[in-house]
């Protein structure tokens, strides 16, 4: 049976210390985005079970925007198509 990938395996592949990988995994102390991305790539590469957690940590620092659209002519087919496309994503 193959062994499960460890934090040390991620550190070796990402060419980082185990402490840095631990900081990314547990959200301790600030880590540069590029470093976190290296950890995520290494985790994905070896099939680390916590790669989803790393992805969420990367995404949580991204800004979230909410947009509003004012469609001036809802009776025209073009604007109806735009409204449909916006609603369905």
C-alpha atoms as a PDB file:
ATOM      1  CA  UNK A   1       0.000   0.000   0.000  1.00  0.00           C
ATOM      2  CA  UNK A   2       1.336   3.426  -0.944  1.00  0.00           C
ATOM      3  CA  UNK A   3       1.942   5.861   1.860  1.00  0.00           C
ATOM      4  CA  UNK A   4      -0.047   9.042   2.193  1.00  0.00           C
ATOM      5  CA  UNK A   5       1.757  12.289   1.154  1.00  0.00           C
ATOM      6  CA  UNK A   6       2.939  14.397   4.099  1.00  0.00           C
ATOM      7  CA  UNK A   7       3.724  18.030   4.794  1.00  0.00           C
ATOM      8  CA  UNK A   8       7.411  17.132   4.476  1.00  0.00           C
ATOM      9  CA  UNK A   9       6.751  15.813   0.951  1.00  0.00           C
ATOM     10  CA  UNK A  10       5.086  19.094  -0.014  1.00  0.00           C
ATOM     11  CA  UNK A  11       7.995  21.065   1.454  1.00  0.00           C
ATOM     12  CA  UNK A  12      10.517  19.002  -0.496  1.00  0.00           C
ATOM     13  CA  UNK A  13       8.701  19.394  -3.820  1.00  0.00           C
ATOM     14  CA  UNK A  14       7.972  23.116  -3.311  1.00  0.00           C
ATOM     15  CA  UNK A  15      11.574  23.676  -2.135  1.00  0.00           C
ATOM     16  CA  UNK A  16      10.336  25.293   1.079  1.00  0.00           C
ATOM     17  CA  UNK A  17      10.684  24.543   4.767  1.00  0.00           C
ATOM     18  CA  UNK A  18       8.173  22.401   6.608  1.00  0.00           C
ATOM     19  CA  UNK A  19       7.430  25.431   8.800  1.00  0.00           C
ATOM     20  CA  UNK A  20       6.466  27.513   5.761  1.00  0.00           C
ATOM     21  CA  UNK A  21       4.163  24.782   4.462  1.00  0.00           C
ATOM     22  CA  UNK A  22       2.627  24.559   7.941  1.00  0.00           C
ATOM     23  CA  UNK A  23       2.013  28.326   7.954  1.00  0.00           C
ATOM     24  CA  UNK A  24       0.169  28.051   4.644  1.00  0.00           C
ATOM     25  CA  UNK A  25      -1.898  25.054   5.760  1.00  0.00           C
ATOM     26  CA  UNK A  26      -2.871  26.537   9.118  1.00  0.00           C
ATOM     27  CA  UNK A  27      -3.104  30.206   8.176  1.00  0.00           C
ATOM     28  CA  UNK A  28      -0.391  31.231  10.629  1.00  0.00           C
ATOM     29  CA  UNK A  29       1.596  34.389  10.032  1.00  0.00           C
ATOM     30  CA  UNK A  30       1.461  36.101   6.662  1.00  0.00           C
ATOM     31  CA  UNK A  31       2.915  34.209   3.713  1.00  0.00           C
ATOM     32  CA  UNK A  32       3.419  35.706   0.261  1.00  0.00           C
ATOM     33  CA  UNK A  33       0.824  34.675  -2.283  1.00  0.00           C
ATOM     34  CA  UNK A  34       3.530  33.248  -4.565  1.00  0.00           C
ATOM     35  CA  UNK A  35       4.746  31.018  -1.736  1.00  0.00           C
ATOM     36  CA  UNK A  36       1.224  29.810  -0.970  1.00  0.00           C
ATOM     37  CA  UNK A  37       0.754  29.095  -4.674  1.00  0.00           C
ATOM     38  CA  UNK A  38       3.948  26.994  -4.693  1.00  0.00           C
ATOM     39  CA  UNK A  39       2.639  25.007  -1.743  1.00  0.00           C
ATOM     40  CA  UNK A  40      -0.709  24.484  -3.476  1.00  0.00           C
ATOM     41  CA  UNK A  41       0.935  23.368  -6.734  1.00  0.00           C
ATOM     42  CA  UNK A  42       3.162  20.882  -4.910  1.00  0.00           C
ATOM     43  CA  UNK A  43       0.193  19.539  -2.913  1.00  0.00           C
ATOM     44  CA  UNK A  44      -1.845  19.056  -6.080  1.00  0.00           C
ATOM     45  CA  UNK A  45       1.095  17.393  -7.813  1.00  0.00           C
ATOM     46  CA  UNK A  46       1.500  14.687  -5.166  1.00  0.00           C
ATOM     47  CA  UNK A  47      -2.200  14.288  -4.363  1.00  0.00           C
ATOM     48  CA  UNK A  48      -2.071  15.705  -0.843  1.00  0.00           C
ATOM     49  CA  UNK A  49      -5.411  15.238   0.912  1.00  0.00           C
ATOM     50  CA  UNK A  50      -5.494  18.861   2.170  1.00  0.00           C
ATOM     51  CA  UNK A  51      -5.001  20.590  -1.174  1.00  0.00           C
ATOM     52  CA  UNK A  52      -8.601  21.820  -1.078  1.00  0.00           C
ATOM     53  CA  UNK A  53      -7.836  23.617   2.178  1.00  0.00           C
ATOM     54  CA  UNK A  54      -4.847  25.328   0.580  1.00  0.00           C
ATOM     55  CA  UNK A  55      -7.011  26.397  -2.378  1.00  0.00           C
ATOM     56  CA  UNK A  56      -9.563  27.918   0.016  1.00  0.00           C
ATOM     57  CA  UNK A  57      -6.812  29.789   1.873  1.00  0.00           C
ATOM     58  CA  UNK A  58      -5.649  31.238  -1.445  1.00  0.00           C
ATOM     59  CA  UNK A  59      -9.184  32.211  -2.453  1.00  0.00           C
ATOM     60  CA  UNK A  60     -10.126  33.753   0.885  1.00  0.00           C
ATOM     61  CA  UNK A  61      -7.615  36.561   0.336  1.00  0.00           C
ATOM     62  CA  UNK A  62      -9.085  37.490  -3.037  1.00  0.00           C
ATOM     63  CA  UNK A  63     -11.338  40.540  -3.177  1.00  0.00           C
ATOM     64  CA  UNK A  64     -15.040  39.947  -3.750  1.00  0.00           C
ATOM     65  CA  UNK A  65     -17.013  42.305  -5.944  1.00  0.00           C
ATOM     66  CA  UNK A  66     -20.720  42.716  -6.385  1.00  0.00           C
ATOM     67  CA  UNK A  67     -21.854  44.279  -9.639  1.00  0.00           C
ATOM     68  CA  UNK A  68     -25.165  45.807 -10.560  1.00  0.00           C
ATOM     69  CA  UNK A  69     -26.490  46.370 -14.060  1.00  0.00           C
ATOM     70  CA  UNK A  70     -29.108  48.835 -15.157  1.00  0.00           C
ATOM     71  CA  UNK A  71     -30.702  47.691 -18.386  1.00  0.00           C
ATOM     72  CA  UNK A  72     -32.356  50.757 -19.880  1.00  0.00           C
ATOM     73  CA  UNK A  73     -34.639  49.077 -22.395  1.00  0.00           C
ATOM     74  CA  UNK A  74     -36.056  45.842 -20.962  1.00  0.00           C
ATOM     75  CA  UNK A  75     -38.543  45.619 -23.851  1.00  0.00           C
ATOM     76  CA  UNK A  76     -35.769  45.152 -26.458  1.00  0.00           C
ATOM     77  CA  UNK A  77     -34.593  41.647 -27.307  1.00  0.00           C
ATOM     78  CA  UNK A  78     -30.901  42.528 -26.901  1.00  0.00           C
ATOM     79  CA  UNK A  79     -31.385  43.683 -23.316  1.00  0.00           C
ATOM     80  CA  UNK A  80     -33.549  40.665 -22.546  1.00  0.00           C
ATOM     81  CA  UNK A  81     -30.720  38.410 -23.784  1.00  0.00           C
ATOM     82  CA  UNK A  82     -28.192  40.332 -21.668  1.00  0.00           C
ATOM     83  CA  UNK A  83     -30.419  39.997 -18.600  1.00  0.00           C
ATOM     84  CA  UNK A  84     -30.798  36.255 -19.188  1.00  0.00           C
ATOM     85  CA  UNK A  85     -27.045  35.805 -19.626  1.00  0.00           C
ATOM     86  CA  UNK A  86     -26.339  37.755 -16.416  1.00  0.00           C
ATOM     87  CA  UNK A  87     -28.823  35.733 -14.420  1.00  0.00           C
ATOM     88  CA  UNK A  88     -27.578  32.358 -15.622  1.00  0.00           C
ATOM     89  CA  UNK A  89     -23.928  33.276 -15.110  1.00  0.00           C
END
